[in-house]
Amino acid sequence: MHEELASIGKSIVINGELSGSEDLTIEGRVDGKIELRDHVLTVGPNGRIKAQVSAKAVVVLGQVTGNLTATEKVDIKENGSVEGDIIAPRVAIADGSHFRGSIDMQKKDQPVERALGTYKAEKADKAEKSEKASIPAATSVTNDYARV
C-alpha cells in the first residue's frame, strides 16, 4: 500500500504551531513550532523554517533557523542550512551544507533534559577539579579564562 506524503507547497506560509501524525515535506515557509514526534520532517530545497522543531527524524535541504530535536537523526544535506542547536543521537552534515550552533548527541534511550543536565554538572565538576590542579600560582582566572 503506497502512502501519500503530506506536503506544504512553495507558496504556502504558516505562522503558529504545526503538528501531525504523518511524515511531512515543507517547500514553503513556516514560522513558529513544528511537532511531528513519531514522523519524518523534510525541509525541501525551497523550504524556509523559523521554528523549534521536534520530530523522529529531520532532513534539511532548505533553510532552518531554530533548534532541532530528533529522536533518531538530523541530516543536513549538501545545500541545506541550519542555524540553531541540534539534539539527536545521530547527526549527518554533508559537505557544502551550512551549520551554526551546537550539537548534543545523547543516547537514544536517555531523556533530553537528563542528558543536558548531567553533561553540565559533570563539566562543572571537572572544571573545578582541573582549575585547582592545573593553574600555576602566578595566573589569574576570570570568567573561565586563564591569563598566563
N, C-alpha and C. Protein backbone atom coordinates (compact mmCIF):
# COMPACT_ATOMS: atom_id res chain seq x y z
N MET A 1 0.84 -1.17 0.00
CA MET A 1 0.00 0.00 0.00
C MET A 1 0.89 1.24 0.00
N HIS A 2 0.72 2.11 -0.99
CA HIS A 2 1.52 3.33 -1.10
C HIS A 2 0.84 4.46 -0.33
N GLU A 3 1.58 5.03 0.62
CA GLU A 3 1.03 6.10 1.45
C GLU A 3 1.35 7.45 0.83
N GLU A 4 0.34 8.29 0.67
CA GLU A 4 0.53 9.64 0.12
C GLU A 4 1.26 10.49 1.16
N LEU A 5 2.27 11.26 0.71
CA LEU A 5 3.03 12.11 1.61
C LEU A 5 2.37 13.48 1.73
N ALA A 6 2.35 14.00 2.96
CA ALA A 6 1.82 15.34 3.19
C ALA A 6 2.90 16.35 2.82
N SER A 7 2.48 17.47 2.20
CA SER A 7 3.48 18.48 1.85
C SER A 7 2.87 19.88 1.93
N ILE A 8 3.76 20.84 2.18
CA ILE A 8 3.39 22.25 2.19
C ILE A 8 4.12 22.88 1.02
N GLY A 9 3.35 23.37 0.05
CA GLY A 9 3.92 23.89 -1.20
C GLY A 9 4.69 25.18 -1.05
N LYS A 10 5.40 25.56 -2.14
CA LYS A 10 6.27 26.74 -2.15
C LYS A 10 5.55 28.03 -1.77
N SER A 11 4.31 28.17 -2.16
CA SER A 11 3.61 29.44 -1.95
C SER A 11 2.88 29.51 -0.61
N ILE A 12 2.96 28.46 0.21
CA ILE A 12 2.24 28.41 1.49
C ILE A 12 3.10 29.02 2.60
N VAL A 13 2.47 29.88 3.42
CA VAL A 13 3.13 30.48 4.58
C VAL A 13 2.29 30.13 5.82
N ILE A 14 2.93 29.56 6.83
CA ILE A 14 2.24 29.19 8.06
C ILE A 14 2.91 29.89 9.23
N ASN A 15 2.11 30.59 10.05
CA ASN A 15 2.60 31.21 11.27
C ASN A 15 1.87 30.56 12.44
N GLY A 16 2.62 29.97 13.39
CA GLY A 16 1.99 29.34 14.53
C GLY A 16 2.53 27.94 14.76
N GLU A 17 1.66 27.08 15.31
CA GLU A 17 2.07 25.72 15.63
C GLU A 17 1.59 24.74 14.57
N LEU A 18 2.49 23.84 14.20
CA LEU A 18 2.18 22.82 13.20
C LEU A 18 2.48 21.47 13.83
N SER A 19 1.49 20.58 13.86
CA SER A 19 1.72 19.24 14.41
C SER A 19 1.00 18.24 13.53
N GLY A 20 1.44 16.99 13.62
CA GLY A 20 0.80 15.97 12.80
C GLY A 20 1.26 14.59 13.17
N SER A 21 0.60 13.59 12.57
CA SER A 21 0.96 12.20 12.82
C SER A 21 1.23 11.49 11.50
N GLU A 22 1.96 12.18 10.62
CA GLU A 22 2.44 11.58 9.38
C GLU A 22 3.68 12.34 8.93
N ASP A 23 4.45 11.73 8.04
CA ASP A 23 5.64 12.38 7.51
C ASP A 23 5.22 13.64 6.75
N LEU A 24 6.10 14.65 6.75
CA LEU A 24 5.75 15.93 6.13
C LEU A 24 6.94 16.50 5.39
N THR A 25 6.68 17.05 4.19
CA THR A 25 7.68 17.78 3.43
C THR A 25 7.24 19.22 3.33
N ILE A 26 8.16 20.14 3.66
CA ILE A 26 7.85 21.57 3.61
C ILE A 26 8.67 22.22 2.51
N GLU A 27 8.00 22.82 1.54
CA GLU A 27 8.65 23.60 0.49
C GLU A 27 8.36 25.08 0.67
N GLY A 28 7.42 25.42 1.54
CA GLY A 28 7.04 26.81 1.78
C GLY A 28 7.74 27.37 2.99
N ARG A 29 7.05 28.27 3.68
CA ARG A 29 7.62 28.95 4.85
C ARG A 29 6.79 28.63 6.09
N VAL A 30 7.47 28.27 7.19
CA VAL A 30 6.79 28.02 8.46
C VAL A 30 7.53 28.78 9.55
N ASP A 31 6.79 29.61 10.30
CA ASP A 31 7.33 30.33 11.45
C ASP A 31 6.57 29.88 12.69
N GLY A 32 7.28 29.46 13.75
CA GLY A 32 6.60 29.06 14.98
C GLY A 32 7.16 27.79 15.57
N LYS A 33 6.34 26.75 15.61
CA LYS A 33 6.71 25.48 16.24
C LYS A 33 6.21 24.33 15.37
N ILE A 34 7.07 23.31 15.17
CA ILE A 34 6.69 22.13 14.39
C ILE A 34 6.90 20.90 15.26
N GLU A 35 5.87 20.08 15.39
CA GLU A 35 5.97 18.88 16.22
C GLU A 35 5.41 17.68 15.45
N LEU A 36 6.34 16.77 15.09
CA LEU A 36 5.98 15.51 14.42
C LEU A 36 6.70 14.39 15.16
N ARG A 37 6.30 14.14 16.39
CA ARG A 37 7.02 13.27 17.32
C ARG A 37 7.49 11.93 16.75
N ASP A 38 6.62 11.22 16.04
CA ASP A 38 6.98 9.89 15.55
C ASP A 38 7.12 9.84 14.04
N HIS A 39 7.42 11.00 13.44
CA HIS A 39 7.45 11.05 11.97
C HIS A 39 8.61 11.88 11.46
N VAL A 40 8.82 11.82 10.14
CA VAL A 40 9.95 12.48 9.50
C VAL A 40 9.53 13.83 8.93
N LEU A 41 10.33 14.84 9.21
CA LEU A 41 10.13 16.16 8.62
C LEU A 41 11.24 16.36 7.59
N THR A 42 10.84 16.69 6.36
CA THR A 42 11.80 17.02 5.32
C THR A 42 11.59 18.48 4.95
N VAL A 43 12.64 19.27 5.06
CA VAL A 43 12.59 20.66 4.63
C VAL A 43 13.18 20.67 3.23
N GLY A 44 12.32 20.86 2.23
CA GLY A 44 12.75 20.80 0.84
C GLY A 44 13.68 21.94 0.47
N PRO A 45 14.24 21.91 -0.75
CA PRO A 45 15.19 22.95 -1.19
C PRO A 45 14.61 24.36 -1.14
N ASN A 46 13.30 24.50 -1.29
CA ASN A 46 12.67 25.82 -1.23
C ASN A 46 12.11 26.13 0.16
N GLY A 47 12.20 25.21 1.09
CA GLY A 47 11.65 25.39 2.43
C GLY A 47 12.43 26.40 3.25
N ARG A 48 11.70 27.25 3.97
CA ARG A 48 12.29 28.26 4.86
C ARG A 48 11.58 28.14 6.20
N ILE A 49 12.30 27.67 7.22
CA ILE A 49 11.71 27.40 8.52
C ILE A 49 12.35 28.31 9.57
N LYS A 50 11.51 28.98 10.37
CA LYS A 50 11.97 29.68 11.57
C LYS A 50 11.13 29.12 12.69
N ALA A 51 11.60 28.03 13.28
CA ALA A 51 10.76 27.32 14.24
C ALA A 51 11.59 26.41 15.14
N GLN A 52 10.99 26.04 16.26
CA GLN A 52 11.50 24.98 17.12
C GLN A 52 10.90 23.70 16.57
N VAL A 53 11.75 22.71 16.25
CA VAL A 53 11.29 21.51 15.58
C VAL A 53 11.53 20.28 16.46
N SER A 54 10.49 19.43 16.59
CA SER A 54 10.61 18.13 17.25
C SER A 54 10.05 17.09 16.30
N ALA A 55 10.86 16.06 15.99
CA ALA A 55 10.41 15.01 15.08
C ALA A 55 11.23 13.75 15.32
N LYS A 56 10.82 12.65 14.69
CA LYS A 56 11.60 11.43 14.77
C LYS A 56 12.91 11.63 14.01
N ALA A 57 12.81 12.20 12.82
CA ALA A 57 13.99 12.49 12.00
C ALA A 57 13.74 13.78 11.23
N VAL A 58 14.81 14.54 11.00
CA VAL A 58 14.71 15.79 10.25
C VAL A 58 15.74 15.76 9.14
N VAL A 59 15.28 15.99 7.91
CA VAL A 59 16.15 16.07 6.74
C VAL A 59 16.07 17.49 6.21
N VAL A 60 17.22 18.17 6.10
CA VAL A 60 17.23 19.57 5.72
C VAL A 60 17.91 19.75 4.37
N LEU A 61 17.13 20.20 3.38
CA LEU A 61 17.66 20.57 2.07
C LEU A 61 17.55 22.08 1.87
N GLY A 62 16.71 22.74 2.66
CA GLY A 62 16.48 24.18 2.58
C GLY A 62 17.13 24.89 3.75
N GLN A 63 16.42 25.88 4.31
CA GLN A 63 16.97 26.67 5.41
C GLN A 63 16.13 26.52 6.68
N VAL A 64 16.82 26.29 7.80
CA VAL A 64 16.15 26.19 9.10
C VAL A 64 16.86 27.13 10.07
N THR A 65 16.08 27.99 10.73
CA THR A 65 16.58 28.81 11.83
C THR A 65 15.76 28.42 13.05
N GLY A 66 16.43 27.83 14.04
CA GLY A 66 15.73 27.35 15.23
C GLY A 66 16.34 26.04 15.67
N ASN A 67 15.96 25.60 16.86
CA ASN A 67 16.51 24.37 17.42
C ASN A 67 15.80 23.14 16.88
N LEU A 68 16.59 22.10 16.61
CA LEU A 68 16.05 20.83 16.10
C LEU A 68 16.26 19.75 17.15
N THR A 69 15.18 19.02 17.47
CA THR A 69 15.26 17.87 18.36
C THR A 69 14.70 16.67 17.62
N ALA A 70 15.52 15.61 17.49
CA ALA A 70 15.07 14.41 16.79
C ALA A 70 15.37 13.19 17.65
N THR A 71 14.45 12.23 17.66
CA THR A 71 14.67 11.03 18.46
C THR A 71 15.56 10.03 17.72
N GLU A 72 15.71 10.19 16.40
CA GLU A 72 16.58 9.28 15.64
C GLU A 72 17.74 9.98 14.95
N LYS A 73 17.46 10.96 14.06
CA LYS A 73 18.55 11.53 13.27
C LYS A 73 18.21 12.90 12.71
N VAL A 74 19.23 13.77 12.60
CA VAL A 74 19.15 15.02 11.85
C VAL A 74 20.15 14.90 10.72
N ASP A 75 19.70 15.17 9.50
CA ASP A 75 20.53 15.04 8.31
C ASP A 75 20.49 16.35 7.53
N ILE A 76 21.61 17.08 7.52
CA ILE A 76 21.70 18.33 6.76
C ILE A 76 22.37 17.99 5.43
N LYS A 77 21.61 18.10 4.36
CA LYS A 77 22.09 17.72 3.03
C LYS A 77 22.97 18.81 2.43
N GLU A 78 23.49 18.56 1.22
CA GLU A 78 24.52 19.39 0.60
C GLU A 78 24.23 20.89 0.59
N ASN A 79 23.05 21.33 0.20
CA ASN A 79 22.77 22.76 0.16
C ASN A 79 21.89 23.20 1.34
N GLY A 80 21.73 22.34 2.33
CA GLY A 80 20.91 22.67 3.49
C GLY A 80 21.63 23.62 4.43
N SER A 81 20.83 24.34 5.22
CA SER A 81 21.39 25.31 6.17
C SER A 81 20.61 25.25 7.48
N VAL A 82 21.35 25.13 8.59
CA VAL A 82 20.73 25.13 9.92
C VAL A 82 21.48 26.12 10.80
N GLU A 83 20.72 27.03 11.41
CA GLU A 83 21.26 27.94 12.41
C GLU A 83 20.45 27.71 13.68
N GLY A 84 21.02 26.95 14.60
CA GLY A 84 20.34 26.60 15.84
C GLY A 84 20.99 25.36 16.42
N ASP A 85 20.53 24.97 17.58
CA ASP A 85 21.10 23.82 18.28
C ASP A 85 20.39 22.54 17.87
N ILE A 86 21.17 21.45 17.82
CA ILE A 86 20.63 20.15 17.43
C ILE A 86 20.79 19.18 18.60
N ILE A 87 19.70 18.47 18.91
CA ILE A 87 19.75 17.39 19.89
C ILE A 87 19.23 16.14 19.18
N ALA A 88 20.10 15.16 18.98
CA ALA A 88 19.73 13.92 18.30
C ALA A 88 20.83 12.89 18.53
N PRO A 89 20.48 11.60 18.55
CA PRO A 89 21.51 10.58 18.74
C PRO A 89 22.43 10.43 17.53
N ARG A 90 21.93 10.80 16.34
CA ARG A 90 22.74 10.72 15.12
C ARG A 90 22.58 12.03 14.33
N VAL A 91 23.71 12.56 13.86
CA VAL A 91 23.70 13.80 13.08
C VAL A 91 24.62 13.63 11.89
N ALA A 92 24.12 14.02 10.70
CA ALA A 92 24.94 13.98 9.49
C ALA A 92 24.93 15.37 8.87
N ILE A 93 26.13 15.90 8.59
CA ILE A 93 26.26 17.22 7.98
C ILE A 93 27.07 17.04 6.71
N ALA A 94 26.42 17.22 5.57
CA ALA A 94 27.06 16.97 4.28
C ALA A 94 28.03 18.08 3.91
N ASP A 95 29.03 17.73 3.11
CA ASP A 95 29.96 18.71 2.56
C ASP A 95 29.17 19.70 1.71
N GLY A 96 29.40 20.98 1.92
CA GLY A 96 28.68 22.01 1.17
C GLY A 96 27.47 22.56 1.90
N SER A 97 27.12 21.97 3.03
CA SER A 97 25.99 22.47 3.81
C SER A 97 26.48 23.55 4.78
N HIS A 98 25.54 24.20 5.48
CA HIS A 98 25.89 25.25 6.43
C HIS A 98 25.27 24.89 7.78
N PHE A 99 26.07 25.01 8.85
CA PHE A 99 25.56 24.78 10.19
C PHE A 99 26.22 25.75 11.16
N ARG A 100 25.39 26.40 11.99
CA ARG A 100 25.92 27.22 13.07
C ARG A 100 25.07 26.95 14.31
N GLY A 101 25.72 26.44 15.36
CA GLY A 101 25.01 26.10 16.58
C GLY A 101 25.78 25.04 17.34
N SER A 102 25.09 24.36 18.24
CA SER A 102 25.73 23.28 18.99
C SER A 102 25.00 21.97 18.72
N ILE A 103 25.70 20.88 18.99
CA ILE A 103 25.13 19.55 18.78
C ILE A 103 25.27 18.76 20.07
N ASP A 104 24.16 18.14 20.49
CA ASP A 104 24.16 17.23 21.64
C ASP A 104 23.70 15.88 21.12
N MET A 105 24.62 14.92 21.07
CA MET A 105 24.29 13.59 20.55
C MET A 105 24.12 12.63 21.72
N GLN A 106 23.04 12.83 22.50
CA GLN A 106 22.77 11.95 23.63
C GLN A 106 22.31 10.59 23.12
N LYS A 107 22.40 9.61 23.99
CA LYS A 107 21.96 8.27 23.63
C LYS A 107 20.45 8.27 23.42
N LYS A 108 19.99 7.38 22.56
CA LYS A 108 18.58 7.32 22.18
C LYS A 108 17.66 7.11 23.37
N ASP A 109 18.08 6.28 24.35
CA ASP A 109 17.22 5.96 25.49
C ASP A 109 17.38 6.95 26.64
N GLN A 110 18.21 7.98 26.47
CA GLN A 110 18.45 8.95 27.53
C GLN A 110 17.58 10.19 27.31
N PRO A 111 16.78 10.59 28.29
CA PRO A 111 15.93 11.76 28.12
C PRO A 111 16.77 13.02 27.87
N VAL A 112 16.25 13.92 27.06
CA VAL A 112 16.97 15.13 26.67
C VAL A 112 17.36 15.97 27.88
N GLU A 113 16.41 16.22 28.80
CA GLU A 113 16.69 17.05 29.95
C GLU A 113 17.80 16.44 30.81
N ARG A 114 17.75 15.13 30.99
CA ARG A 114 18.75 14.46 31.80
C ARG A 114 20.11 14.53 31.13
N ALA A 115 20.14 14.35 29.82
CA ALA A 115 21.41 14.40 29.09
C ALA A 115 22.06 15.77 29.25
N LEU A 116 21.31 16.82 29.08
CA LEU A 116 21.86 18.16 29.20
C LEU A 116 22.27 18.47 30.63
N GLY A 117 21.42 18.13 31.59
CA GLY A 117 21.71 18.40 32.99
C GLY A 117 22.94 17.66 33.48
N THR A 118 23.05 16.39 33.14
CA THR A 118 24.18 15.57 33.55
C THR A 118 25.46 16.10 32.94
N TYR A 119 25.42 16.45 31.67
CA TYR A 119 26.61 16.95 30.98
C TYR A 119 27.10 18.23 31.65
N LYS A 120 26.20 19.16 31.90
CA LYS A 120 26.59 20.43 32.51
C LYS A 120 27.17 20.21 33.90
N ALA A 121 26.55 19.33 34.68
CA ALA A 121 27.04 19.06 36.04
C ALA A 121 28.41 18.41 36.01
N GLU A 122 28.60 17.42 35.12
CA GLU A 122 29.89 16.76 35.01
C GLU A 122 30.96 17.73 34.55
N LYS A 123 30.62 18.58 33.60
CA LYS A 123 31.57 19.56 33.07
C LYS A 123 31.99 20.53 34.17
N ALA A 124 31.04 20.98 34.99
CA ALA A 124 31.34 21.92 36.07
C ALA A 124 32.26 21.26 37.11
N ASP A 125 31.97 19.99 37.45
CA ASP A 125 32.81 19.27 38.42
C ASP A 125 34.23 19.12 37.90
N LYS A 126 34.36 18.72 36.64
CA LYS A 126 35.68 18.53 36.05
C LYS A 126 36.43 19.85 35.97
N ALA A 127 35.72 20.91 35.62
CA ALA A 127 36.35 22.23 35.51
C ALA A 127 36.90 22.68 36.85
N GLU A 128 36.12 22.48 37.92
CA GLU A 128 36.56 22.86 39.26
C GLU A 128 37.83 22.11 39.65
N LYS A 129 37.83 20.78 39.42
CA LYS A 129 38.97 19.96 39.79
C LYS A 129 40.20 20.33 38.97
N SER A 130 40.02 20.52 37.66
CA SER A 130 41.17 20.81 36.82
C SER A 130 41.69 22.22 37.05
N GLU A 131 40.81 23.17 37.41
CA GLU A 131 41.26 24.54 37.71
C GLU A 131 42.21 24.53 38.90
N LYS A 132 41.83 23.82 39.94
CA LYS A 132 42.64 23.78 41.16
C LYS A 132 43.99 23.11 40.90
N ALA A 133 43.99 22.09 40.06
CA ALA A 133 45.19 21.32 39.86
C ALA A 133 46.12 21.92 38.81
N SER A 134 45.60 22.63 37.81
CA SER A 134 46.44 22.99 36.68
C SER A 134 46.81 24.46 36.57
N ILE A 135 46.31 25.34 37.42
CA ILE A 135 46.62 26.75 37.29
C ILE A 135 47.80 27.10 38.18
N PRO A 136 48.87 27.58 37.57
CA PRO A 136 50.03 27.98 38.36
C PRO A 136 49.67 29.15 39.28
N ALA A 137 50.44 29.34 40.34
CA ALA A 137 50.15 30.37 41.34
C ALA A 137 50.17 31.78 40.77
N ALA A 138 50.93 32.04 39.71
CA ALA A 138 51.07 33.40 39.17
C ALA A 138 50.00 33.76 38.15
N THR A 139 49.01 32.92 37.92
CA THR A 139 47.98 33.22 36.92
C THR A 139 46.70 33.66 37.61
N SER A 140 45.86 34.36 36.85
CA SER A 140 44.56 34.77 37.40
C SER A 140 43.47 34.18 36.51
N VAL A 141 42.36 33.82 37.11
CA VAL A 141 41.24 33.24 36.37
C VAL A 141 40.09 34.22 36.39
N THR A 142 39.59 34.56 35.20
CA THR A 142 38.46 35.47 35.09
C THR A 142 37.46 34.87 34.11
N ASN A 143 36.24 34.65 34.54
CA ASN A 143 35.17 34.13 33.68
C ASN A 143 35.59 32.90 32.88
N ASP A 144 36.16 31.93 33.53
CA ASP A 144 36.57 30.66 32.91
C ASP A 144 37.77 30.78 31.98
N TYR A 145 38.43 31.92 31.94
CA TYR A 145 39.63 32.07 31.11
C TYR A 145 40.83 32.23 32.03
N ALA A 146 41.93 31.65 31.69
CA ALA A 146 43.13 31.79 32.50
C ALA A 146 44.11 32.70 31.78
N ARG A 147 44.57 33.73 32.49
CA ARG A 147 45.59 34.62 31.95
C ARG A 147 46.94 34.13 32.39
N VAL A 148 47.81 33.86 31.43
CA VAL A 148 49.15 33.32 31.77
C VAL A 148 50.20 34.33 31.42
